[in-house]
N, C-alpha and C. Protein backbone atom coordinates (compact mmCIF):
# COMPACT_ATOMS: atom_id res chain seq x y z
N MET A 1 67.50 84.52 112.89
CA MET A 1 68.80 85.37 111.83
C MET A 1 69.55 84.18 110.99
N PRO A 2 69.59 84.66 109.78
CA PRO A 2 70.01 84.00 109.02
C PRO A 2 71.72 83.86 108.69
N ASP A 3 72.10 82.58 108.40
CA ASP A 3 73.60 82.34 109.01
C ASP A 3 73.96 83.11 107.88
N TRP A 4 75.41 83.60 108.58
CA TRP A 4 76.49 84.66 107.60
C TRP A 4 77.28 83.95 106.22
N PRO A 5 76.84 83.76 105.50
CA PRO A 5 77.43 82.91 104.36
C PRO A 5 79.22 83.12 103.93
N HIS A 6 79.54 84.41 104.32
CA HIS A 6 80.92 84.49 104.58
C HIS A 6 81.85 84.40 105.47
N GLN A 7 83.20 84.25 105.26
CA GLN A 7 84.09 83.80 106.58
C GLN A 7 84.26 84.85 107.41
N VAL A 8 84.00 84.47 108.68
CA VAL A 8 84.62 85.42 109.68
C VAL A 8 85.89 86.20 109.82
N LEU A 9 86.50 87.32 109.63
CA LEU A 9 87.68 88.02 110.09
C LEU A 9 88.60 87.72 111.22
N HIS A 10 89.23 87.24 111.63
CA HIS A 10 89.62 87.13 112.95
C HIS A 10 90.95 87.82 113.37
N LEU A 11 91.32 89.18 114.11
CA LEU A 11 92.15 89.80 114.25
C LEU A 11 92.63 89.35 115.34
N SER A 12 93.76 89.29 115.93
CA SER A 12 94.67 89.53 117.65
C SER A 12 94.25 90.84 117.86
N ASP A 13 94.76 91.06 119.28
CA ASP A 13 94.44 92.71 119.49
C ASP A 13 95.52 93.02 119.25
N GLY A 14 96.48 92.98 118.93
CA GLY A 14 97.89 93.40 118.26
C GLY A 14 97.58 94.11 117.02
N SER A 15 96.66 93.14 116.51
CA SER A 15 96.50 93.65 114.83
C SER A 15 95.30 94.89 114.74
N VAL A 16 94.26 94.49 115.57
CA VAL A 16 93.21 95.77 116.03
C VAL A 16 93.86 96.77 116.69
N GLN A 17 94.78 96.74 117.25
CA GLN A 17 95.58 98.04 117.72
C GLN A 17 96.32 98.83 116.50
N ALA A 18 97.02 97.69 115.96
CA ALA A 18 97.92 98.47 114.79
C ALA A 18 97.07 99.11 113.77
N LEU A 19 95.80 98.42 113.14
CA LEU A 19 94.57 99.02 112.34
C LEU A 19 94.31 100.12 112.89
N SER A 20 93.81 100.09 114.24
CA SER A 20 92.93 101.52 114.80
C SER A 20 94.23 102.73 115.08
N ALA A 21 95.51 102.21 115.02
CA ALA A 21 96.48 103.24 115.09
C ALA A 21 96.67 103.74 113.72
N TRP A 22 96.66 102.88 112.76
CA TRP A 22 96.53 103.10 111.31
C TRP A 22 95.49 104.19 110.91
N GLN A 23 94.57 104.08 111.07
CA GLN A 23 93.27 105.00 110.82
C GLN A 23 93.55 106.10 111.61
N GLN A 24 93.77 106.34 112.65
CA GLN A 24 93.74 107.63 113.59
C GLN A 24 95.05 108.06 112.63
N ALA A 25 95.98 107.70 112.51
CA ALA A 25 97.21 108.58 111.87
C ALA A 25 96.62 108.67 110.63
N GLU A 26 95.97 108.51 109.79
CA GLU A 26 95.05 109.16 108.68
C GLU A 26 94.42 110.04 108.85
N LYS A 27 93.80 109.81 110.11
CA LYS A 27 92.64 111.03 109.97
C LYS A 27 93.50 112.03 110.72
N TRP A 28 94.37 112.04 111.58
CA TRP A 28 95.15 113.16 112.00
C TRP A 28 96.04 113.95 110.70
N GLN A 29 96.12 112.92 109.86
CA GLN A 29 97.12 113.61 108.58
C GLN A 29 95.79 114.50 108.07
N GLN A 30 94.70 113.85 107.75
CA GLN A 30 93.46 114.75 107.03
C GLN A 30 93.04 116.03 107.66
N THR A 31 92.66 115.72 109.20
CA THR A 31 92.24 116.91 109.88
C THR A 31 93.33 117.91 110.21
N HIS A 32 94.61 117.40 110.04
CA HIS A 32 95.96 118.90 110.64
C HIS A 32 96.14 119.15 108.97
N GLU A 33 95.56 118.59 107.77
CA GLU A 33 96.27 119.03 106.49
C GLU A 33 98.08 118.91 106.76
N ALA A 34 98.19 117.85 106.91
CA ALA A 34 99.98 117.72 107.47
C ALA A 34 100.68 116.96 105.99
N THR A 35 101.85 117.78 105.61
CA THR A 35 102.34 117.32 104.83
C THR A 35 103.83 117.16 105.04
N PRO A 36 104.59 116.13 104.27
CA PRO A 36 105.99 115.38 105.13
C PRO A 36 106.77 116.95 105.15
N ASP A 37 106.84 117.82 104.01
CA ASP A 37 107.57 118.64 104.51
C ASP A 37 107.74 119.33 105.80
N LYS A 38 106.41 119.12 106.07
CA LYS A 38 106.19 120.14 107.55
C LYS A 38 107.10 119.87 108.65
N PHE A 39 107.19 118.29 108.66
CA PHE A 39 107.92 117.22 109.67
C PHE A 39 109.45 117.34 109.11
N GLY A 40 109.84 117.75 107.76
CA GLY A 40 111.55 117.50 107.58
C GLY A 40 111.15 116.26 106.93
N LEU A 41 110.36 115.54 106.46
CA LEU A 41 110.23 114.34 105.71
C LEU A 41 110.55 114.65 104.23
N ASP A 42 110.75 113.27 103.13
CA ASP A 42 110.79 113.28 102.40
C ASP A 42 109.58 113.03 101.38
N ASN A 43 108.63 111.75 102.08
CA ASN A 43 107.37 111.46 101.68
C ASN A 43 106.62 111.27 102.27
N LYS A 44 105.68 110.90 101.68
CA LYS A 44 104.13 110.83 102.47
C LYS A 44 104.49 109.56 102.98
N GLU A 45 104.88 108.69 102.25
CA GLU A 45 105.04 107.07 103.12
C GLU A 45 105.67 107.45 104.64
N ALA A 46 106.87 108.08 104.55
CA ALA A 46 107.76 108.24 105.90
C ALA A 46 106.80 109.25 106.53
N MET A 47 105.98 110.48 106.53
CA MET A 47 105.41 110.79 107.19
C MET A 47 104.25 109.87 107.83
N MET A 48 103.59 109.06 107.00
CA MET A 48 102.18 108.39 107.76
C MET A 48 102.87 107.44 108.89
N GLN A 49 104.12 106.96 108.36
CA GLN A 49 105.05 105.86 109.53
C GLN A 49 104.91 106.65 110.91
N LEU A 50 105.64 107.86 110.84
CA LEU A 50 105.73 108.96 111.51
C LEU A 50 104.66 108.88 112.93
N LEU A 51 103.34 109.30 112.09
CA LEU A 51 102.05 109.70 112.54
C LEU A 51 101.55 108.17 113.01
N TYR A 52 101.68 107.08 112.55
CA TYR A 52 101.33 105.58 112.98
C TYR A 52 102.45 105.51 114.14
N GLN A 53 103.25 105.75 114.42
CA GLN A 53 104.20 105.64 115.58
C GLN A 53 103.79 106.64 116.87
N MET A 54 103.03 107.74 116.53
CA MET A 54 103.14 108.52 117.55
C MET A 54 101.68 107.86 118.19
N GLN A 55 100.65 107.79 116.96
CA GLN A 55 99.37 106.88 117.67
C GLN A 55 99.75 105.88 118.51
N LEU A 56 100.76 105.32 118.03
CA LEU A 56 101.10 104.10 119.28
C LEU A 56 101.23 104.44 120.59
N LEU A 57 102.29 105.28 120.67
CA LEU A 57 102.76 105.78 121.66
C LEU A 57 101.89 106.83 122.29
N ALA A 58 100.72 106.91 121.75
CA ALA A 58 99.63 107.96 122.72
C ALA A 58 98.59 106.67 123.49
N ASP A 59 99.01 105.73 122.65
CA ASP A 59 98.21 104.19 123.08
C ASP A 59 99.10 104.04 124.22
N GLU A 60 100.32 103.70 124.18
CA GLU A 60 101.02 103.14 125.18
C GLU A 60 100.88 104.31 126.57
N GLU A 61 100.40 105.42 126.23
CA GLU A 61 100.39 106.33 127.37
C GLU A 61 98.98 106.13 127.71
N ASN A 62 98.50 105.54 127.10
CA ASN A 62 96.88 105.53 127.46
C ASN A 62 95.88 106.82 127.44
N LEU A 63 96.10 107.45 126.24
CA LEU A 63 95.92 108.64 126.24
C LEU A 63 94.39 108.68 125.50
N LEU A 64 93.49 108.28 126.25
CA LEU A 64 92.00 108.15 124.90
C LEU A 64 91.08 109.06 124.83
N SER A 65 90.98 110.12 125.21
CA SER A 65 90.60 111.25 124.50
C SER A 65 90.64 112.00 123.08
N GLU A 66 90.37 112.19 122.45
CA GLU A 66 90.77 113.14 121.10
C GLU A 66 91.70 114.60 121.59
N PRO A 67 91.14 115.20 122.52
CA PRO A 67 92.00 116.45 122.94
C PRO A 67 93.38 115.85 123.35
N GLU A 68 93.55 115.19 124.21
CA GLU A 68 94.62 114.49 124.84
C GLU A 68 95.50 114.12 124.01
N ARG A 69 95.29 112.93 122.95
CA ARG A 69 96.24 112.70 121.99
C ARG A 69 96.42 113.98 121.08
N ASN A 70 95.82 114.46 120.78
CA ASN A 70 96.11 115.54 120.03
C ASN A 70 97.24 116.21 120.30
N ALA A 71 97.43 116.45 121.86
CA ALA A 71 98.03 117.72 121.93
C ALA A 71 99.62 116.89 122.25
N PHE A 72 99.68 115.78 122.63
CA PHE A 72 100.86 114.50 123.14
C PHE A 72 101.29 114.59 121.56
N ILE A 73 100.89 114.03 120.27
CA ILE A 73 100.90 113.98 119.11
C ILE A 73 101.82 115.18 119.03
N ASP A 74 100.96 116.35 118.82
CA ASP A 74 101.48 118.22 118.34
C ASP A 74 102.83 118.11 118.92
N GLU A 75 103.13 117.84 120.24
CA GLU A 75 104.20 117.96 121.23
C GLU A 75 105.54 117.08 120.23
N LYS A 76 105.13 115.92 120.47
CA LYS A 76 106.20 114.91 119.74
C LYS A 76 106.84 115.37 118.67
N LEU A 77 105.59 115.70 117.56
CA LEU A 77 105.73 116.11 115.97
C LEU A 77 106.65 117.51 116.06
N GLN A 78 106.47 118.48 116.82
CA GLN A 78 107.13 119.48 117.08
C GLN A 78 108.39 119.05 117.03
N ASN A 79 108.84 118.45 117.91
CA ASN A 79 109.89 118.15 118.51
C ASN A 79 110.99 117.09 117.09
N THR A 80 110.20 116.69 116.57
CA THR A 80 110.62 115.41 115.60
C THR A 80 110.89 116.25 114.14
N GLY A 81 110.07 117.40 113.97
CA GLY A 81 110.33 118.28 112.97
C GLY A 81 111.18 119.30 113.26
N LYS A 82 111.60 119.31 113.99
CA LYS A 82 112.91 120.33 114.74
C LYS A 82 114.03 119.63 114.35
N THR A 83 114.17 118.34 114.78
CA THR A 83 115.12 117.52 114.76
C THR A 83 115.49 117.39 112.95
N ASN A 84 114.23 116.67 112.48
CA ASN A 84 114.57 116.63 110.98
C ASN A 84 115.27 117.37 110.49
N ASN A 85 114.22 118.87 110.83
CA ASN A 85 114.84 119.81 109.53
C ASN A 85 116.09 120.41 110.16
N HIS A 86 116.88 120.01 111.31
CA HIS A 86 117.76 119.98 111.88
C HIS A 86 119.24 119.17 110.69
N LEU A 87 118.44 118.23 110.65
CA LEU A 87 119.36 117.13 110.15
C LEU A 87 119.87 117.51 108.82
N LYS A 88 118.76 118.20 108.58
CA LYS A 88 118.66 118.52 106.45
C LYS A 88 119.37 119.63 106.12
N GLY A 89 119.43 120.53 107.39
CA GLY A 89 120.33 121.73 107.28
C GLY A 89 119.10 122.81 107.29
N ASN A 90 118.38 122.55 107.37
CA ASN A 90 116.95 123.89 107.25
C ASN A 90 117.15 124.53 108.42
């Protein structure tokens, strides 16, 4: 097997977890066609940060299957959306 001519990227466990959570947040956003206003947020950046945090929470709860994660995140986001809309006066 020939030597790999490029540098190898080394990531800490925390970096791998963060990268995975961000990718899962992007996938969730695309799959659910989520928009910032759905959660009472002003922009996509805030929405993605929220979705990223929800994915990290699902990791902390050790929810590994997609149906479990989705149910957990859906519930958390419904509560967040209601709170944000209430704060905005909607």
